[in-house]
Amino acid sequence: MAPALVVACILWGLPRLRRAGRAAPGARLEAFMLVVAGVVVLLAGLVYFGRDGKIATYAALVVVQGTLAWWLHRRR
């Protein structure tokens, strides 16, 4: 679950660094959604490939979490 957490922290934290001082409502929910999406992708990769650590799983992780972060950012 560490890759999901790291990517979620990066995608959640970087936009907030640019807007220092302004706390967005629902920020914790956004972080939670990013982590959950990442864990789901990692579990799906584990089930599909039968083992952990496949590059395709990590690529899907970045695509899914990146798309979700983009959507959440555009929604505001």
N, C-alpha and C. Protein backbone atom coordinates (compact mmCIF):
# COMPACT_ATOMS: atom_id res chain seq x y z
N MET A 1 0.80 -1.19 0.00
CA MET A 1 0.00 0.00 0.00
C MET A 1 0.85 1.26 0.00
N ALA A 2 2.14 1.10 0.20
CA ALA A 2 3.02 2.27 0.24
C ALA A 2 3.02 3.06 -1.07
N PRO A 3 3.08 2.39 -2.24
CA PRO A 3 3.04 3.18 -3.48
C PRO A 3 1.77 3.99 -3.62
N ALA A 4 0.64 3.43 -3.23
CA ALA A 4 -0.62 4.16 -3.32
C ALA A 4 -0.61 5.37 -2.40
N LEU A 5 -0.05 5.22 -1.23
CA LEU A 5 0.01 6.32 -0.27
C LEU A 5 0.96 7.42 -0.73
N VAL A 6 2.11 7.03 -1.26
CA VAL A 6 3.10 8.02 -1.72
C VAL A 6 2.56 8.83 -2.90
N VAL A 7 2.00 8.14 -3.88
CA VAL A 7 1.47 8.85 -5.05
C VAL A 7 0.30 9.75 -4.64
N ALA A 8 -0.56 9.26 -3.75
CA ALA A 8 -1.68 10.08 -3.28
C ALA A 8 -1.18 11.33 -2.55
N CYS A 9 -0.16 11.18 -1.72
CA CYS A 9 0.37 12.34 -0.99
C CYS A 9 0.96 13.37 -1.95
N ILE A 10 1.64 12.90 -2.98
CA ILE A 10 2.23 13.82 -3.96
C ILE A 10 1.12 14.55 -4.72
N LEU A 11 0.16 13.79 -5.23
CA LEU A 11 -0.91 14.40 -6.02
C LEU A 11 -1.82 15.29 -5.18
N TRP A 12 -1.96 14.99 -3.91
CA TRP A 12 -2.80 15.80 -3.04
C TRP A 12 -2.06 17.02 -2.53
N GLY A 13 -0.77 16.87 -2.26
CA GLY A 13 -0.01 17.94 -1.62
C GLY A 13 0.53 19.01 -2.55
N LEU A 14 0.93 18.64 -3.75
CA LEU A 14 1.54 19.62 -4.65
C LEU A 14 0.63 20.80 -4.99
N PRO A 15 -0.63 20.59 -5.33
CA PRO A 15 -1.48 21.76 -5.61
C PRO A 15 -1.66 22.66 -4.39
N ARG A 16 -1.60 22.08 -3.20
CA ARG A 16 -1.77 22.87 -1.99
C ARG A 16 -0.53 23.69 -1.67
N LEU A 17 0.62 23.27 -2.14
CA LEU A 17 1.83 24.07 -1.95
C LEU A 17 1.77 25.36 -2.76
N ARG A 18 1.15 25.28 -3.92
CA ARG A 18 1.02 26.48 -4.76
C ARG A 18 0.06 27.48 -4.16
N ARG A 19 -0.94 26.99 -3.45
CA ARG A 19 -1.93 27.87 -2.84
C ARG A 19 -1.74 27.88 -1.33
N ALA A 20 -0.57 28.20 -0.88
CA ALA A 20 -0.26 28.17 0.55
C ALA A 20 -1.17 29.12 1.32
N GLY A 21 -1.64 28.64 2.44
CA GLY A 21 -2.45 29.49 3.30
C GLY A 21 -3.95 29.31 3.14
N ARG A 22 -4.38 28.72 2.03
CA ARG A 22 -5.81 28.53 1.82
C ARG A 22 -6.14 27.05 1.94
N ALA A 23 -6.92 26.71 2.92
CA ALA A 23 -7.35 25.32 3.12
C ALA A 23 -8.64 25.08 2.34
N ALA A 24 -8.61 24.08 1.51
CA ALA A 24 -9.79 23.76 0.72
C ALA A 24 -10.74 22.91 1.55
N PRO A 25 -12.03 23.21 1.46
CA PRO A 25 -12.99 22.36 2.17
C PRO A 25 -13.02 20.98 1.51
N GLY A 26 -13.07 19.95 2.32
CA GLY A 26 -13.09 18.60 1.79
C GLY A 26 -11.73 18.06 1.43
N ALA A 27 -10.67 18.68 1.90
CA ALA A 27 -9.32 18.25 1.53
C ALA A 27 -9.02 16.86 2.07
N ARG A 28 -9.48 16.56 3.26
CA ARG A 28 -9.24 15.22 3.81
C ARG A 28 -9.98 14.16 3.02
N LEU A 29 -11.18 14.49 2.58
CA LEU A 29 -11.95 13.54 1.77
C LEU A 29 -11.24 13.27 0.45
N GLU A 30 -10.68 14.31 -0.16
CA GLU A 30 -9.94 14.13 -1.41
C GLU A 30 -8.73 13.22 -1.20
N ALA A 31 -7.99 13.43 -0.12
CA ALA A 31 -6.83 12.58 0.17
C ALA A 31 -7.27 11.14 0.39
N PHE A 32 -8.36 10.96 1.13
CA PHE A 32 -8.87 9.62 1.37
C PHE A 32 -9.29 8.94 0.06
N MET A 33 -9.96 9.67 -0.81
CA MET A 33 -10.38 9.11 -2.10
C MET A 33 -9.19 8.69 -2.94
N LEU A 34 -8.14 9.49 -2.94
CA LEU A 34 -6.94 9.15 -3.71
C LEU A 34 -6.28 7.88 -3.17
N VAL A 35 -6.19 7.76 -1.86
CA VAL A 35 -5.58 6.57 -1.27
C VAL A 35 -6.42 5.33 -1.55
N VAL A 36 -7.72 5.44 -1.39
CA VAL A 36 -8.60 4.29 -1.64
C VAL A 36 -8.52 3.85 -3.11
N ALA A 37 -8.54 4.80 -4.02
CA ALA A 37 -8.42 4.46 -5.44
C ALA A 37 -7.11 3.75 -5.72
N GLY A 38 -6.02 4.22 -5.11
CA GLY A 38 -4.73 3.58 -5.30
C GLY A 38 -4.68 2.17 -4.76
N VAL A 39 -5.25 1.96 -3.59
CA VAL A 39 -5.26 0.62 -2.99
C VAL A 39 -6.10 -0.33 -3.84
N VAL A 40 -7.21 0.15 -4.36
CA VAL A 40 -8.06 -0.69 -5.22
C VAL A 40 -7.29 -1.10 -6.48
N VAL A 41 -6.56 -0.18 -7.07
CA VAL A 41 -5.78 -0.50 -8.27
C VAL A 41 -4.70 -1.52 -7.94
N LEU A 42 -4.01 -1.33 -6.83
CA LEU A 42 -2.96 -2.28 -6.44
C LEU A 42 -3.53 -3.67 -6.17
N LEU A 43 -4.68 -3.73 -5.51
CA LEU A 43 -5.31 -5.03 -5.27
C LEU A 43 -5.78 -5.68 -6.56
N ALA A 44 -6.32 -4.88 -7.47
CA ALA A 44 -6.74 -5.42 -8.77
C ALA A 44 -5.54 -5.97 -9.54
N GLY A 45 -4.41 -5.27 -9.49
CA GLY A 45 -3.20 -5.76 -10.15
C GLY A 45 -2.70 -7.04 -9.52
N LEU A 46 -2.80 -7.15 -8.22
CA LEU A 46 -2.39 -8.36 -7.52
C LEU A 46 -3.27 -9.54 -7.92
N VAL A 47 -4.57 -9.32 -8.00
CA VAL A 47 -5.48 -10.38 -8.39
C VAL A 47 -5.27 -10.77 -9.85
N TYR A 48 -5.14 -9.78 -10.72
CA TYR A 48 -5.02 -10.05 -12.15
C TYR A 48 -3.70 -10.75 -12.50
N PHE A 49 -2.58 -10.23 -11.98
CA PHE A 49 -1.28 -10.77 -12.33
C PHE A 49 -0.83 -11.90 -11.40
N GLY A 50 -1.44 -12.00 -10.24
CA GLY A 50 -1.07 -13.06 -9.32
C GLY A 50 0.14 -12.75 -8.46
N ARG A 51 0.71 -11.59 -8.64
CA ARG A 51 1.84 -11.18 -7.80
C ARG A 51 1.93 -9.67 -7.77
N ASP A 52 2.68 -9.18 -6.80
CA ASP A 52 2.81 -7.75 -6.60
C ASP A 52 4.04 -7.24 -7.34
N GLY A 53 4.04 -5.95 -7.64
CA GLY A 53 5.23 -5.32 -8.18
C GLY A 53 5.35 -5.28 -9.69
N LYS A 54 4.27 -5.50 -10.41
CA LYS A 54 4.33 -5.41 -11.86
C LYS A 54 4.29 -3.94 -12.28
N ILE A 55 5.08 -3.60 -13.28
CA ILE A 55 5.15 -2.23 -13.77
C ILE A 55 3.79 -1.78 -14.32
N ALA A 56 3.05 -2.69 -14.93
CA ALA A 56 1.72 -2.34 -15.46
C ALA A 56 0.79 -1.90 -14.34
N THR A 57 0.91 -2.52 -13.17
CA THR A 57 0.09 -2.13 -12.03
C THR A 57 0.45 -0.72 -11.57
N TYR A 58 1.75 -0.44 -11.51
CA TYR A 58 2.18 0.89 -11.07
C TYR A 58 1.79 1.96 -12.10
N ALA A 59 1.83 1.61 -13.37
CA ALA A 59 1.39 2.55 -14.41
C ALA A 59 -0.11 2.84 -14.26
N ALA A 60 -0.88 1.79 -14.02
CA ALA A 60 -2.32 1.97 -13.81
C ALA A 60 -2.59 2.80 -12.56
N LEU A 61 -1.77 2.60 -11.54
CA LEU A 61 -1.89 3.37 -10.30
C LEU A 61 -1.74 4.86 -10.57
N VAL A 62 -0.72 5.21 -11.31
CA VAL A 62 -0.46 6.62 -11.61
C VAL A 62 -1.57 7.20 -12.50
N VAL A 63 -2.02 6.43 -13.47
CA VAL A 63 -3.08 6.91 -14.36
C VAL A 63 -4.38 7.13 -13.59
N VAL A 64 -4.77 6.17 -12.78
CA VAL A 64 -6.04 6.28 -12.04
C VAL A 64 -5.98 7.40 -11.02
N GLN A 65 -4.91 7.43 -10.23
CA GLN A 65 -4.83 8.48 -9.22
C GLN A 65 -4.64 9.85 -9.85
N GLY A 66 -3.90 9.94 -10.92
CA GLY A 66 -3.72 11.21 -11.60
C GLY A 66 -5.01 11.73 -12.20
N THR A 67 -5.77 10.84 -12.80
CA THR A 67 -7.06 11.23 -13.37
C THR A 67 -8.03 11.66 -12.28
N LEU A 68 -8.05 10.93 -11.18
CA LEU A 68 -8.93 11.30 -10.07
C LEU A 68 -8.52 12.65 -9.47
N ALA A 69 -7.23 12.87 -9.30
CA ALA A 69 -6.75 14.15 -8.76
C ALA A 69 -7.10 15.29 -9.70
N TRP A 70 -6.94 15.07 -10.99
CA TRP A 70 -7.30 16.10 -11.98
C TRP A 70 -8.80 16.41 -11.89
N TRP A 71 -9.63 15.37 -11.82
CA TRP A 71 -11.08 15.55 -11.76
C TRP A 71 -11.47 16.30 -10.48
N LEU A 72 -10.87 15.93 -9.36
CA LEU A 72 -11.19 16.59 -8.10
C LEU A 72 -10.76 18.06 -8.14
N HIS A 73 -9.62 18.33 -8.76
CA HIS A 73 -9.13 19.70 -8.85
C HIS A 73 -10.03 20.54 -9.77
N ARG A 74 -10.46 19.98 -10.88
CA ARG A 74 -11.32 20.70 -11.83
C ARG A 74 -12.71 20.93 -11.26
N ARG A 75 -13.14 20.07 -10.36
CA ARG A 75 -14.47 20.16 -9.77
C ARG A 75 -14.64 21.39 -8.92
N ARG A 76 -13.57 21.89 -8.35
CA ARG A 76 -13.67 23.06 -7.47
C ARG A 76 -13.85 24.32 -8.21
